[in-house]
Amino acid sequence: MTQPGWQVTATTIYCDAVDDEATLIVKYDEKSVVCTAYPKYGQPYKKLTSRMAGRSQKLGRHLKCEGPMCRRMVEYRNRLFAEDEEGKGKG
């Protein structure tokens, strides 16, 4: 079995679901992905909820974290593993 060129990788994205930056961390061996913004926005405390409501009004759209496996996380993880598989085929 070929070892990957990476074990853990991360990227920071703009998450339009919460109108803030979020860091996505992918672990190769676990095939897992974690969003560092989820603890903050997944179950926001009361003060943050009211700030998000104000930002939602300004933006004209509802802001809400999509949860621990949102499409941004899944797409990023899947893209990394697809690129890794593609790279193995070239070697």
Protein backbone atom coordinates (compact mmCIF):
# COMPACT_ATOMS: atom_id res chain seq x y z
CA MET A 1 0.00 0.00 0.00
CA THR A 2 1.38 3.39 -0.99
CA GLN A 3 1.71 5.92 1.80
CA PRO A 4 0.18 9.32 1.12
CA GLY A 5 2.27 12.44 0.92
CA TRP A 6 0.33 13.82 3.88
CA GLN A 7 -1.21 12.70 7.19
CA VAL A 8 -3.10 15.81 8.26
CA THR A 9 -3.91 18.91 6.25
CA ALA A 10 -5.92 22.04 6.85
CA THR A 11 -7.30 24.94 4.91
CA THR A 12 -9.14 28.08 5.89
CA ILE A 13 -12.23 28.92 3.88
CA TYR A 14 -14.88 31.61 3.90
CA CYS A 15 -18.03 29.87 5.08
CA ASP A 16 -21.03 31.62 3.59
CA ALA A 17 -23.37 29.65 5.89
CA VAL A 18 -22.12 31.66 8.89
CA ASP A 19 -20.45 34.62 7.12
CA ASP A 20 -17.09 33.90 8.74
CA GLU A 21 -13.86 32.05 8.16
CA ALA A 22 -13.57 28.41 9.16
CA THR A 23 -10.63 26.05 9.17
CA LEU A 24 -11.21 22.54 7.83
CA ILE A 25 -8.86 19.83 9.11
CA VAL A 26 -8.62 16.47 7.32
CA LYS A 27 -6.90 13.42 8.81
CA TYR A 28 -5.77 10.89 6.21
CA ASP A 29 -5.72 7.77 8.38
CA GLU A 30 -9.18 8.41 9.82
CA LYS A 31 -10.59 9.79 6.56
CA SER A 32 -12.19 12.42 8.79
CA VAL A 33 -12.82 16.12 8.47
CA VAL A 34 -13.44 18.65 11.23
CA CYS A 35 -14.53 22.27 11.05
CA THR A 36 -13.07 24.54 13.71
CA ALA A 37 -16.07 26.89 13.43
CA TYR A 38 -18.61 24.20 14.31
CA PRO A 39 -18.18 24.48 18.11
CA LYS A 40 -18.82 28.22 17.83
CA TYR A 41 -21.62 28.25 15.26
CA GLY A 42 -23.15 24.76 15.57
CA GLN A 43 -24.73 25.55 18.93
CA PRO A 44 -24.21 29.30 19.23
CA TYR A 45 -24.64 30.97 22.59
CA LYS A 46 -27.37 33.57 22.99
CA LYS A 47 -25.21 36.66 22.30
CA LEU A 48 -23.76 35.12 19.13
CA THR A 49 -27.22 34.05 17.97
CA SER A 50 -28.44 37.65 18.15
CA ARG A 51 -25.33 38.90 16.29
CA MET A 52 -25.92 36.29 13.59
CA ALA A 53 -29.52 37.44 13.31
CA GLY A 54 -28.32 41.02 12.78
CA ARG A 55 -25.82 39.92 10.14
CA SER A 56 -28.54 37.81 8.48
CA GLN A 57 -30.75 40.87 8.20
CA LYS A 58 -27.94 42.98 6.71
CA LEU A 59 -27.06 40.27 4.20
CA GLY A 60 -30.66 39.50 3.36
CA ARG A 61 -30.24 35.77 3.93
CA HIS A 62 -30.43 33.34 6.83
CA LEU A 63 -27.13 32.43 8.50
CA LYS A 64 -26.91 29.01 10.10
CA CYS A 65 -24.17 26.42 10.54
CA GLU A 66 -25.04 23.34 8.50
CA GLY A 67 -23.57 20.94 11.04
CA PRO A 68 -20.60 18.68 11.50
CA MET A 69 -20.72 17.24 7.97
CA CYS A 70 -21.78 20.20 5.85
CA ARG A 71 -21.26 20.10 2.10
CA ARG A 72 -18.15 22.33 2.29
CA MET A 73 -16.43 19.85 4.58
CA VAL A 74 -17.48 16.79 2.60
CA GLU A 75 -16.49 18.37 -0.73
CA TYR A 76 -13.05 19.40 0.57
CA ARG A 77 -12.35 15.96 2.08
CA ASN A 78 -13.56 14.16 -1.05
CA ARG A 79 -11.46 16.41 -3.31
CA LEU A 80 -8.31 15.70 -1.27
CA PHE A 81 -8.81 11.94 -1.41
CA ALA A 82 -9.66 12.06 -5.13
CA GLU A 83 -6.47 14.05 -5.80
CA ASP A 84 -4.51 11.54 -3.73
CA GLU A 85 -5.92 8.62 -5.72
CA GLU A 86 -5.25 10.45 -8.99
CA GLY A 87 -1.65 11.05 -7.90
CA LYS A 88 -1.16 7.35 -7.12
CA GLY A 89 -2.21 6.47 -10.67
CA LYS A 90 0.54 8.69 -12.08
CA GLY A 91 3.32 7.15 -10.00
